[in-house]
C-alpha atoms as a PDB file:
ATOM      1  CA  UNK A   1       0.330   0.098  -0.158  1.00  0.00           C
ATOM      2  CA  UNK A   2       2.979   2.666   0.747  1.00  0.00           C
ATOM      3  CA  UNK A   3       4.447   1.983  -2.278  1.00  0.00           C
ATOM      4  CA  UNK A   4       1.493   2.428  -4.408  1.00  0.00           C
ATOM      5  CA  UNK A   5       1.314   6.208  -2.135  1.00  0.00           C
ATOM      6  CA  UNK A   6       5.181   7.021  -2.404  1.00  0.00           C
ATOM      7  CA  UNK A   7       4.835   6.060  -6.674  1.00  0.00           C
ATOM      8  CA  UNK A   8       1.914   8.486  -7.108  1.00  0.00           C
ATOM      9  CA  UNK A   9       3.243  11.028  -4.583  1.00  0.00           C
ATOM     10  CA  UNK A  10       6.887  10.982  -6.443  1.00  0.00           C
ATOM     11  CA  UNK A  11       5.989  10.567  -9.757  1.00  0.00           C
ATOM     12  CA  UNK A  12       3.078  13.456  -9.566  1.00  0.00           C
ATOM     13  CA  UNK A  13       5.037  15.821  -7.579  1.00  0.00           C
ATOM     14  CA  UNK A  14       8.205  15.276 -10.356  1.00  0.00           C
ATOM     15  CA  UNK A  15       6.192  15.743 -13.093  1.00  0.00           C
ATOM     16  CA  UNK A  16       4.562  18.784 -11.923  1.00  0.00           C
ATOM     17  CA  UNK A  17       7.765  20.807 -10.885  1.00  0.00           C
ATOM     18  CA  UNK A  18       8.179  23.660 -13.247  1.00  0.00           C
ATOM     19  CA  UNK A  19       5.012  23.280 -15.612  1.00  0.00           C
ATOM     20  CA  UNK A  20       2.462  25.624 -16.495  1.00  0.00           C
ATOM     21  CA  UNK A  21       0.495  24.889 -13.644  1.00  0.00           C
ATOM     22  CA  UNK A  22       3.187  25.430 -11.049  1.00  0.00           C
ATOM     23  CA  UNK A  23       4.212  28.793 -13.260  1.00  0.00           C
ATOM     24  CA  UNK A  24       0.409  29.674 -13.248  1.00  0.00           C
ATOM     25  CA  UNK A  25       0.157  29.322  -9.225  1.00  0.00           C
ATOM     26  CA  UNK A  26       3.293  31.813  -8.955  1.00  0.00           C
ATOM     27  CA  UNK A  27       2.256  33.940 -11.158  1.00  0.00           C
ATOM     28  CA  UNK A  28      -1.706  34.099  -9.308  1.00  0.00           C
ATOM     29  CA  UNK A  29       0.271  34.631  -6.009  1.00  0.00           C
ATOM     30  CA  UNK A  30       2.752  37.264  -6.881  1.00  0.00           C
ATOM     31  CA  UNK A  31      -0.456  39.364  -8.353  1.00  0.00           C
ATOM     32  CA  UNK A  32      -3.062  39.205  -5.878  1.00  0.00           C
ATOM     33  CA  UNK A  33      -0.637  39.219  -3.117  1.00  0.00           C
ATOM     34  CA  UNK A  34      -3.299  36.781  -0.876  1.00  0.00           C
ATOM     35  CA  UNK A  35      -0.918  33.031  -1.401  1.00  0.00           C
ATOM     36  CA  UNK A  36      -3.657  30.931   1.225  1.00  0.00           C
ATOM     37  CA  UNK A  37      -6.266  31.763  -1.290  1.00  0.00           C
ATOM     38  CA  UNK A  38      -4.511  31.019  -4.555  1.00  0.00           C
ATOM     39  CA  UNK A  39      -2.837  27.983  -2.690  1.00  0.00           C
ATOM     40  CA  UNK A  40      -6.418  26.686  -1.827  1.00  0.00           C
ATOM     41  CA  UNK A  41      -7.810  27.301  -4.647  1.00  0.00           C
ATOM     42  CA  UNK A  42      -4.935  25.751  -6.777  1.00  0.00           C
ATOM     43  CA  UNK A  43      -5.447  22.991  -4.197  1.00  0.00           C
ATOM     44  CA  UNK A  44      -9.069  22.366  -4.665  1.00  0.00           C
ATOM     45  CA  UNK A  45      -8.452  22.208  -8.366  1.00  0.00           C
ATOM     46  CA  UNK A  46      -5.663  19.806  -8.063  1.00  0.00           C
ATOM     47  CA  UNK A  47      -7.808  17.496  -6.204  1.00  0.00           C
ATOM     48  CA  UNK A  48     -10.724  17.879  -8.197  1.00  0.00           C
ATOM     49  CA  UNK A  49      -8.984  17.397 -11.800  1.00  0.00           C
ATOM     50  CA  UNK A  50      -7.026  14.088  -9.955  1.00  0.00           C
ATOM     51  CA  UNK A  51     -10.579  12.629  -8.342  1.00  0.00           C
ATOM     52  CA  UNK A  52     -12.120  12.894 -11.897  1.00  0.00           C
ATOM     53  CA  UNK A  53      -8.594  11.301 -13.304  1.00  0.00           C
ATOM     54  CA  UNK A  54      -8.711   8.333 -10.411  1.00  0.00           C
ATOM     55  CA  UNK A  55     -12.530   7.331 -11.273  1.00  0.00           C
ATOM     56  CA  UNK A  56     -12.227   7.682 -15.099  1.00  0.00           C
ATOM     57  CA  UNK A  57      -8.831   5.437 -14.793  1.00  0.00           C
ATOM     58  CA  UNK A  58     -10.692   3.050 -12.361  1.00  0.00           C
ATOM     59  CA  UNK A  59     -13.817   2.383 -14.350  1.00  0.00           C
ATOM     60  CA  UNK A  60     -12.902   2.962 -18.027  1.00  0.00           C
ATOM     61  CA  UNK A  61     -10.041   0.318 -19.637  1.00  0.00           C
ATOM     62  CA  UNK A  62     -12.880  -1.837 -18.375  1.00  0.00           C
ATOM     63  CA  UNK A  63     -15.454  -0.847 -20.731  1.00  0.00           C
ATOM     64  CA  UNK A  64     -13.019  -0.100 -23.770  1.00  0.00           C
ATOM     65  CA  UNK A  65      -9.939  -1.656 -22.975  1.00  0.00           C
ATOM     66  CA  UNK A  66      -6.575  -0.067 -21.745  1.00  0.00           C
ATOM     67  CA  UNK A  67      -5.022  -0.288 -24.860  1.00  0.00           C
ATOM     68  CA  UNK A  68      -7.809   2.453 -26.470  1.00  0.00           C
ATOM     69  CA  UNK A  69      -7.680   4.516 -23.340  1.00  0.00           C
ATOM     70  CA  UNK A  70      -3.859   4.524 -23.842  1.00  0.00           C
ATOM     71  CA  UNK A  71      -4.264   5.580 -27.604  1.00  0.00           C
ATOM     72  CA  UNK A  72      -7.092   8.007 -26.362  1.00  0.00           C
ATOM     73  CA  UNK A  73      -4.891   9.816 -23.991  1.00  0.00           C
ATOM     74  CA  UNK A  74      -2.083   9.711 -26.496  1.00  0.00           C
ATOM     75  CA  UNK A  75      -3.943  11.818 -29.038  1.00  0.00           C
ATOM     76  CA  UNK A  76      -5.473  14.083 -26.060  1.00  0.00           C
ATOM     77  CA  UNK A  77      -1.317  15.147 -25.587  1.00  0.00           C
ATOM     78  CA  UNK A  78      -0.307  15.370 -28.750  1.00  0.00           C
ATOM     79  CA  UNK A  79      -3.522  17.485 -29.586  1.00  0.00           C
ATOM     80  CA  UNK A  80      -2.742  20.021 -26.612  1.00  0.00           C
ATOM     81  CA  UNK A  81       0.874  20.028 -27.703  1.00  0.00           C
ATOM     82  CA  UNK A  82      -0.161  20.961 -31.221  1.00  0.00           C
ATOM     83  CA  UNK A  83      -2.465  23.641 -30.182  1.00  0.00           C
ATOM     84  CA  UNK A  84       0.096  25.159 -27.623  1.00  0.00           C
ATOM     85  CA  UNK A  85       2.378  25.299 -30.607  1.00  0.00           C
ATOM     86  CA  UNK A  86       0.063  27.058 -32.709  1.00  0.00           C
ATOM     87  CA  UNK A  87      -0.952  29.851 -29.791  1.00  0.00           C
ATOM     88  CA  UNK A  88      -4.677  28.342 -29.486  1.00  0.00           C
END
């Protein structure tokens, strides 16, 4: 049980360092000078997004298959990358 927890914590922590979310939170905290409100809002948003991911990851592979889920996830990842490249 602790191995799963530590793996999830470590991977998510490393993935989030320096990404757009963290840079946005830094910008918001400096802009509004209300770090606790920014922290609370960002933390709740991350919890909600993670909860949705866990729920979908728990049942979606059983409905459409793990390979299909990976294909769809990869497609969205590529789509978002292309949109960022073109400034959309």
